[in-house]
Protein backbone atom coordinates (compact mmCIF):
# COMPACT_ATOMS: atom_id res chain seq x y z
CA MET A 1 25.98 9.37 -13.38
CA SER A 2 22.83 9.56 -10.89
CA GLY A 3 21.29 12.98 -10.86
CA GLU A 4 22.40 14.42 -14.16
CA LYS A 5 18.77 14.69 -15.17
CA GLY A 6 17.96 16.85 -12.14
CA LEU A 7 15.38 16.58 -9.22
CA ILE A 8 12.06 15.07 -8.87
CA LEU A 9 10.49 15.71 -5.14
CA LEU A 10 8.24 13.17 -3.92
CA SER A 11 5.70 13.45 -1.52
CA ALA A 12 3.79 10.93 0.85
CA GLY A 13 2.06 10.43 3.94
CA GLY A 14 3.87 8.54 6.64
CA THR A 15 2.49 5.21 6.20
CA GLY A 16 3.62 2.15 4.40
CA GLY A 17 0.81 2.37 1.98
CA HIS A 18 1.41 5.93 0.76
CA LEU A 19 5.61 5.26 1.08
CA PHE A 20 6.17 1.77 -0.42
CA PRO A 21 5.02 2.94 -3.82
CA ALA A 22 6.55 6.10 -3.29
CA GLN A 23 9.64 4.18 -2.98
CA ALA A 24 9.18 2.11 -5.81
CA LEU A 25 9.18 4.97 -8.13
CA ALA A 26 12.38 6.79 -6.25
CA GLU A 27 14.29 3.10 -7.24
CA VAL A 28 13.34 3.54 -10.99
CA LEU A 29 14.31 7.28 -11.28
CA ILE A 30 17.40 6.85 -9.59
CA SER A 31 18.70 4.11 -11.66
CA ARG A 32 17.57 6.46 -14.79
CA GLY A 33 19.84 8.90 -13.42
CA TRP A 34 17.64 11.55 -11.62
CA ARG A 35 17.89 12.65 -8.14
CA VAL A 36 15.08 12.31 -5.44
CA ASP A 37 13.73 14.00 -2.32
CA LEU A 38 11.04 13.12 -0.34
CA VAL A 39 8.47 15.21 1.65
CA THR A 40 6.73 13.63 4.27
CA ASP A 41 5.31 14.20 7.81
CA GLU A 42 6.76 12.76 11.25
CA ARG A 43 5.70 9.18 10.76
CA GLY A 44 8.19 9.20 7.71
CA ASP A 45 11.22 8.90 10.01
CA ARG A 46 11.18 5.39 10.50
CA TYR A 47 11.23 4.63 6.76
CA GLY A 48 14.10 7.25 6.47
CA GLY A 49 16.54 4.83 6.63
CA LYS A 50 15.59 2.59 4.09
CA PHE A 51 14.00 4.94 1.35
CA PRO A 52 16.47 5.76 -1.34
CA ALA A 53 15.91 9.70 -1.47
CA GLN A 54 18.98 12.03 -0.97
CA LYS A 55 17.15 13.94 1.73
CA MET A 56 13.78 13.58 3.58
CA HIS A 57 11.98 16.93 4.26
CA ILE A 58 9.53 17.10 6.98
CA ILE A 59 6.51 19.57 6.33
CA PRO A 60 3.64 19.80 8.91
CA ALA A 61 0.15 18.53 8.04
CA THR A 62 -3.10 17.72 9.30
CA THR A 63 -5.96 15.80 8.59
CA VAL A 64 -9.04 17.49 6.93
CA ARG A 65 -11.99 17.03 9.52
CA GLY A 66 -15.36 18.45 10.06
CA GLY A 67 -16.13 20.05 13.52
CA ASN A 68 -16.47 23.89 14.62
CA ILE A 69 -14.88 27.05 13.28
CA LEU A 70 -12.12 26.41 15.64
CA THR A 71 -11.20 23.10 14.06
CA TYR A 72 -11.35 24.69 10.59
CA ALA A 73 -9.19 27.33 11.77
CA LYS A 74 -6.60 25.34 13.22
CA THR A 75 -6.74 22.88 9.91
CA ALA A 76 -6.41 25.95 7.88
CA PHE A 77 -3.27 27.46 9.81
CA VAL A 78 -1.24 24.01 9.68
CA LEU A 79 -2.11 23.75 6.34
CA GLY A 80 -1.00 27.21 5.23
CA ILE A 81 2.32 26.90 7.27
CA GLY A 82 2.88 23.78 5.24
CA VAL A 83 2.05 25.13 1.97
CA MET A 84 4.60 28.07 2.78
CA ARG A 85 7.17 26.03 3.92
CA ALA A 86 6.65 23.93 0.70
CA TRP A 87 7.17 26.86 -1.32
CA PHE A 88 10.50 28.19 0.05
CA LEU A 89 11.42 24.39 -0.27
CA ILE A 90 10.51 24.08 -3.95
CA SER A 91 11.96 27.50 -4.83
CA ARG A 92 14.91 26.27 -3.28
CA LEU A 93 15.07 22.63 -4.83
CA LYS A 94 13.92 23.48 -8.05
CA PRO A 95 12.51 20.10 -9.01
CA ARG A 96 11.62 19.38 -12.46
CA VAL A 97 8.26 17.42 -11.33
CA VAL A 98 6.35 17.01 -7.82
CA VAL A 99 4.79 13.82 -7.36
CA GLY A 100 2.18 13.26 -4.67
CA PHE A 101 1.24 9.68 -3.52
CA GLY A 102 -1.73 10.66 -1.26
CA GLY A 103 -2.13 11.44 2.43
CA TYR A 104 -2.34 14.75 3.72
CA PRO A 105 1.29 15.55 3.94
CA THR A 106 1.06 15.53 0.16
CA VAL A 107 -1.65 18.17 -0.11
CA SER A 108 1.03 21.29 0.77
CA PRO A 109 3.96 20.58 -1.42
CA VAL A 110 1.58 19.93 -4.66
CA ILE A 111 -0.45 23.34 -3.91
CA ALA A 112 2.96 25.04 -3.51
CA ALA A 113 4.33 23.38 -6.90
CA SER A 114 1.34 24.31 -8.74
CA LEU A 115 1.17 27.71 -7.57
CA ARG A 116 5.13 27.88 -8.77
CA GLY A 117 4.35 26.60 -12.02
CA VAL A 118 6.06 23.45 -11.35
CA ARG A 119 4.69 20.30 -13.27
CA THR A 120 2.61 17.76 -10.81
CA ILE A 121 1.57 14.34 -10.78
CA ILE A 122 -0.70 12.28 -8.12
CA HIS A 123 -0.72 8.72 -8.01
CA ASP A 124 -3.70 6.59 -6.17
CA GLN A 125 -3.48 2.90 -5.80
CA ASN A 126 -6.94 2.72 -4.31
CA ALA A 127 -9.85 1.65 -6.41
CA VAL A 128 -11.69 4.48 -4.94
CA MET A 129 -9.84 8.21 -4.81
CA GLY A 130 -8.36 9.11 -1.81
CA ARG A 131 -9.69 12.70 0.20
CA ALA A 132 -6.35 14.07 -0.10
CA ASN A 133 -6.10 13.34 -3.44
CA ARG A 134 -9.56 14.83 -4.53
CA MET A 135 -8.22 17.79 -3.01
CA LEU A 136 -5.50 18.09 -5.63
CA ALA A 137 -7.01 16.55 -8.78
CA ASP A 138 -7.96 20.00 -9.92
CA ARG A 139 -4.60 21.45 -9.99
CA VAL A 140 -2.35 18.52 -10.92
CA ASP A 141 -1.40 17.63 -14.83
CA ALA A 142 -1.71 14.24 -14.51
CA VAL A 143 -3.53 11.58 -12.14
CA ALA A 144 -1.90 8.08 -12.27
CA THR A 145 -4.32 5.07 -11.32
CA SER A 146 -3.89 1.36 -10.30
CA PHE A 147 -7.27 0.30 -11.45
CA PRO A 148 -9.05 0.99 -14.90
CA LYS A 149 -12.15 2.21 -13.07
CA VAL A 150 -11.21 4.92 -10.46
CA HIS A 151 -14.37 6.10 -8.17
CA MET A 152 -14.37 9.71 -6.75
CA LEU A 153 -11.96 11.00 -9.65
CA GLY A 154 -14.88 12.57 -11.52
CA GLU A 155 -15.68 13.57 -15.10
CA LYS A 156 -14.28 16.77 -14.76
CA ASN A 157 -10.57 15.26 -14.13
CA ALA A 158 -11.15 11.62 -16.24
CA HIS A 159 -8.75 13.30 -19.04
CA LYS A 160 -5.92 13.38 -16.64
CA ALA A 161 -6.04 9.95 -15.75
CA VAL A 162 -3.16 7.60 -16.80
CA ARG A 163 -3.19 3.91 -15.73
CA THR A 164 0.00 2.75 -14.61
CA GLY A 165 -0.72 0.15 -11.92
CA ALA A 166 0.49 0.18 -8.38
CA PRO A 167 3.99 0.59 -8.11
CA VAL A 168 5.89 -2.02 -5.92
CA ARG A 169 9.54 -2.36 -4.32
CA ALA A 170 12.46 -3.82 -6.11
CA ALA A 171 12.29 -6.25 -3.22
CA VAL A 172 8.63 -7.59 -4.23
CA VAL A 173 9.50 -7.95 -7.55
CA GLU A 174 12.58 -9.92 -6.63
CA ALA A 175 10.11 -12.14 -4.20
CA ALA A 176 7.86 -13.37 -7.21
CA THR A 177 9.05 -17.14 -7.06
CA PRO A 178 6.58 -20.04 -8.43
CA TYR A 179 4.30 -20.82 -5.49
CA ASP A 180 4.80 -24.27 -3.89
CA PRO A 181 1.98 -25.18 -2.38
CA PRO A 182 1.33 -27.22 1.00
CA GLU A 183 1.78 -30.94 0.79
CA ALA A 184 -1.05 -33.00 2.14
CA GLY A 185 -0.28 -33.68 5.96
CA GLY A 186 2.84 -31.38 5.87
CA GLU A 187 3.78 -27.99 6.87
CA PHE A 188 1.36 -25.11 6.48
CA ARG A 189 3.06 -21.64 6.40
CA LEU A 190 0.45 -18.98 7.43
CA LEU A 191 1.44 -15.33 7.72
CA VAL A 192 -1.20 -12.69 9.52
CA PHE A 193 -0.54 -8.91 8.76
CA GLY A 194 -2.44 -5.92 9.48
CA GLY A 195 -0.54 -2.96 7.89
CA SER A 196 1.91 -0.76 8.86
CA GLN A 197 1.18 -0.96 12.69
CA GLY A 198 -0.77 -4.28 12.49
CA ALA A 199 -4.81 -4.51 13.06
CA ARG A 200 -6.11 -5.60 16.73
CA ILE A 201 -8.88 -7.74 15.12
CA PHE A 202 -6.21 -10.15 13.92
CA SER A 203 -4.82 -10.66 17.44
CA ASP A 204 -8.43 -10.86 18.65
CA VAL A 205 -9.45 -13.61 16.24
CA VAL A 206 -6.64 -15.65 14.88
CA PRO A 207 -5.52 -17.50 18.10
CA GLY A 208 -9.17 -18.44 18.94
CA ALA A 209 -9.40 -19.91 15.76
CA ILE A 210 -6.32 -21.73 15.84
CA ALA A 211 -7.16 -23.20 19.38
CA ARG A 212 -10.50 -24.64 17.49
CA LEU A 213 -8.30 -26.59 15.15
CA ASP A 214 -7.69 -30.23 15.90
CA GLU A 215 -4.24 -31.44 16.81
CA ALA A 216 -3.62 -32.83 13.53
CA HIS A 217 -4.31 -29.25 11.39
CA ARG A 218 -2.81 -27.46 14.36
CA SER A 219 0.56 -29.35 14.46
CA ARG A 220 1.35 -28.58 10.52
CA LEU A 221 1.06 -25.01 11.03
CA ARG A 222 4.27 -22.64 11.02
CA LEU A 223 3.01 -19.38 11.89
CA VAL A 224 4.06 -15.62 11.49
CA GLN A 225 2.11 -12.94 12.93
CA GLN A 226 2.42 -8.96 12.96
CA CYS A 227 1.00 -7.69 16.44
CA ARG A 228 0.82 -4.60 18.02
CA GLU A 229 3.12 -3.87 21.06
CA GLU A 230 0.48 -3.87 23.53
CA ASP A 231 -1.14 -7.08 22.03
CA MET A 232 2.30 -9.09 22.09
CA GLU A 233 2.23 -10.83 25.59
CA ARG A 234 -1.63 -12.17 25.29
CA VAL A 235 -1.19 -13.28 21.62
CA ARG A 236 1.98 -15.20 22.62
CA PHE A 237 0.40 -16.41 25.89
CA GLY A 238 -2.65 -17.51 23.85
CA TYR A 239 -0.36 -19.57 21.51
CA GLU A 240 1.92 -21.16 24.16
CA ALA A 241 -1.23 -22.27 25.84
CA ILE A 242 -2.42 -24.36 22.84
CA GLY A 243 1.40 -25.53 21.71
CA VAL A 244 1.74 -23.46 18.88
CA THR A 245 5.09 -21.62 18.44
CA ALA A 246 4.61 -18.12 16.62
CA GLU A 247 6.86 -15.69 15.62
CA LEU A 248 5.56 -12.49 16.40
CA ALA A 249 6.65 -8.82 15.88
CA PRO A 250 5.08 -5.44 15.53
CA PHE A 251 6.60 -4.87 12.39
CA PHE A 252 8.67 -7.07 9.61
CA PRO A 253 10.84 -5.45 7.28
CA ASP A 254 11.38 -8.36 5.39
CA LEU A 255 7.59 -8.60 4.56
CA PRO A 256 7.96 -9.71 0.64
CA ARG A 257 10.05 -12.65 1.62
CA ARG A 258 7.89 -13.60 4.14
CA ILE A 259 4.75 -13.21 1.67
CA ALA A 260 6.75 -15.20 -0.63
CA ASP A 261 7.57 -17.84 2.01
CA ALA A 262 3.63 -18.28 2.88
CA HIS A 263 1.23 -20.67 1.88
CA LEU A 264 -1.64 -18.31 2.62
CA VAL A 265 -1.59 -14.71 3.75
CA VAL A 266 -4.26 -13.28 6.39
CA SER A 267 -4.29 -9.43 6.31
CA ARG A 268 -6.09 -6.11 5.53
CA SER A 269 -6.52 -4.88 2.13
CA GLY A 270 -4.96 -2.04 1.52
CA ALA A 271 -4.00 -1.02 -1.95
CA SER A 272 -0.01 -1.87 -1.22
CA THR A 273 -0.98 -4.88 0.18
CA VAL A 274 -2.89 -6.25 -2.35
CA ALA A 275 -0.70 -5.07 -5.24
CA GLU A 276 2.11 -7.04 -3.43
CA LEU A 277 0.14 -10.17 -3.02
CA ALA A 278 -0.70 -9.53 -6.85
CA VAL A 279 3.12 -9.41 -7.93
CA ILE A 280 4.39 -12.03 -5.53
CA GLY A 281 1.54 -14.73 -6.35
CA ARG A 282 0.46 -15.73 -3.03
CA PRO A 283 -3.61 -16.58 -2.13
CA GLY A 284 -4.62 -13.78 0.34
CA MET A 285 -7.72 -14.08 2.64
CA LEU A 286 -8.67 -10.42 2.81
CA VAL A 287 -10.24 -8.55 6.02
CA PRO A 288 -11.07 -4.93 4.68
CA LEU A 289 -10.80 -2.62 7.57
CA PRO A 290 -14.70 -1.94 8.07
CA HIS A 291 -14.46 1.56 8.92
CA ALA A 292 -12.70 3.42 6.16
CA ILE A 293 -14.56 6.42 4.87
CA ASP A 294 -14.67 5.75 1.24
CA ASN A 295 -14.53 1.98 1.59
CA ASP A 296 -11.22 1.85 -0.51
CA GLN A 297 -10.56 -1.54 1.29
CA LEU A 298 -13.50 -3.46 0.41
CA LEU A 299 -12.92 -2.68 -3.31
CA ASN A 300 -9.59 -3.51 -3.50
CA ALA A 301 -10.38 -6.60 -1.86
CA THR A 302 -13.16 -7.05 -4.17
CA ALA A 303 -11.12 -6.75 -7.37
CA LEU A 304 -8.80 -9.44 -5.96
CA ALA A 305 -11.53 -11.78 -4.82
CA GLN A 306 -13.22 -11.30 -8.76
CA ALA A 307 -10.13 -12.30 -10.44
CA LYS A 308 -10.01 -15.16 -7.87
CA GLY A 309 -6.76 -14.49 -6.49
CA GLY A 310 -8.08 -14.60 -2.98
CA TRP A 311 -10.92 -14.62 -0.74
CA LEU A 312 -12.91 -11.85 0.81
CA MET A 313 -13.97 -12.03 4.21
CA PRO A 314 -15.69 -9.12 5.74
CA GLN A 315 -14.96 -8.01 9.41
CA PRO A 316 -17.95 -8.89 11.00
CA ALA A 317 -17.62 -12.33 9.35
CA PHE A 318 -14.43 -12.77 10.70
CA THR A 319 -14.65 -14.50 13.82
CA PRO A 320 -12.78 -17.22 15.43
CA HIS A 321 -15.27 -20.22 14.41
CA ARG A 322 -15.65 -19.13 10.86
CA PHE A 323 -11.97 -18.52 10.36
CA ALA A 324 -11.26 -21.92 11.91
CA GLU A 325 -13.36 -23.37 9.24
CA GLU A 326 -12.18 -21.41 6.24
CA LEU A 327 -8.25 -22.15 7.22
CA THR A 328 -9.21 -25.94 7.78
CA SER A 329 -10.68 -26.07 4.23
CA ARG A 330 -7.44 -24.17 3.00
CA MET A 331 -5.11 -26.89 4.47
CA ASP A 332 -7.27 -29.91 3.47
CA HIS A 333 -7.49 -28.63 -0.21
CA PRO A 334 -4.33 -27.26 -1.05
CA GLU A 335 -5.43 -27.00 -4.95
CA MET A 336 -7.47 -24.04 -3.92
CA LEU A 337 -4.32 -22.52 -3.00
CA ALA A 338 -2.42 -23.02 -6.14
CA VAL A 339 -5.43 -22.02 -8.21
CA ALA A 340 -5.69 -18.38 -6.12
CA ALA A 341 -1.93 -17.80 -6.34
CA ASP A 342 -2.24 -18.41 -10.37
CA ALA A 343 -4.93 -15.90 -10.98
CA ALA A 344 -3.17 -13.43 -8.23
CA ARG A 345 -0.29 -13.29 -10.08
CA LYS A 346 -2.07 -13.08 -13.56
CA VAL A 347 -3.65 -9.53 -12.15
CA GLY A 348 -0.35 -8.46 -10.91
CA ASN A 349 1.89 -5.97 -12.44
CA PRO A 350 5.56 -5.81 -11.61
CA HIS A 351 6.39 -3.10 -14.16
CA ALA A 352 4.22 -0.50 -12.76
CA ALA A 353 6.86 1.42 -11.33
CA ASP A 354 8.62 1.69 -14.78
CA THR A 355 5.29 2.88 -16.62
CA LEU A 356 4.86 5.36 -13.85
CA ALA A 357 8.30 6.57 -14.20
CA ASP A 358 7.97 6.89 -17.94
CA VAL A 359 4.93 9.79 -17.12
CA VAL A 360 6.92 11.57 -14.64
CA GLU A 361 9.92 11.37 -17.20
CA ALA A 362 7.73 12.67 -19.96
CA LEU A 363 6.35 15.41 -17.56
CA ALA A 364 9.93 16.56 -16.74
CA GLU A 365 10.65 16.55 -20.25
CA GLY A 366 7.74 18.48 -21.34
CA ARG A 367 6.64 15.41 -23.70
CA ALA A 368 3.20 14.03 -24.08
CA VAL A 369 1.89 11.19 -21.83
CA PRO A 370 2.22 7.95 -24.05
CA PRO A 371 -1.36 7.85 -25.43
CA GLU A 372 -1.65 3.74 -24.59
CA LEU A 373 -1.77 4.86 -20.93
CA LYS A 374 -5.00 6.84 -21.12
CA GLY A 375 -8.29 5.45 -20.48
CA ALA A 376 -8.70 5.01 -16.62
CA THR A 377 -12.18 6.03 -16.16
CA ALA A 378 -14.12 8.09 -13.29
């Protein structure tokens, strides 16, 4: 019966990039007989109905920013309150392990767990370790990574690293069907999305690019695009003006299925997105977020592009004219898409959630982490 082994407490920031890998781990742990609770921030509420935890706990968190003494004092106060609340929560729940998935809501529960002597592990999906996880790396028992080389981990904590891969949800694994490339002159299914809340750059660029296509190419398109609410009307009007039917929404709950249906995906390159494209095996044109402090999206996209599983397009180059050219090229040469889809699938890891669950169970049961998982480097 589920829950007989005890409780594992997961902690993640309230965005899909943090919650989706946590969800993937939760699904596996529950199937193995563990109970799972989740600690997150207020943003996590919108995922609460789908996250498979028995309970969701909201703890205050704040971003650690530079600034004046007042800013530092406010940040320290909020984190202090968070650690105190997490301390009492952990005291009551008595988890066997606390697992952090990044984002500042992870900081308080992991610190509280380490102070209470509870085993801890953090997972970082990106090719460069996030700031919250860097704050915690000294305190935890293990650092799970998605890439063989992890920037900003530091030599001091390299011995803690275990390479598990990036966990993906069961729905992603189920969507991993063979790629069916578009036929010459036939329907071309294009999916555009920009993360858990959409990216304005796609609303700005994609309609103008499609308007530049000739009628023969434009008539082939079947477009699905994620847009922010405030951009929806102008994007819809732009497509109607050129006679293109597009399905627009601020969020697609069935995104794995839509990725599997697509001939080409255009997206940001958050770690979850790159992992899901690889597991499902679909070619992606990746436009990394240009202002990320640690350039994590650029490194994620570079890794997939170097594996020939997609194409990197820096945002300054992502113009209507350039994207129209690139899209036309892919539509005219479906063999390029088929090669990229195959390469993406070869670097995908559909078993990462199981591997991470193996590590978590080893910590919970006082066993050594499997030695074959060691080897991620700083």
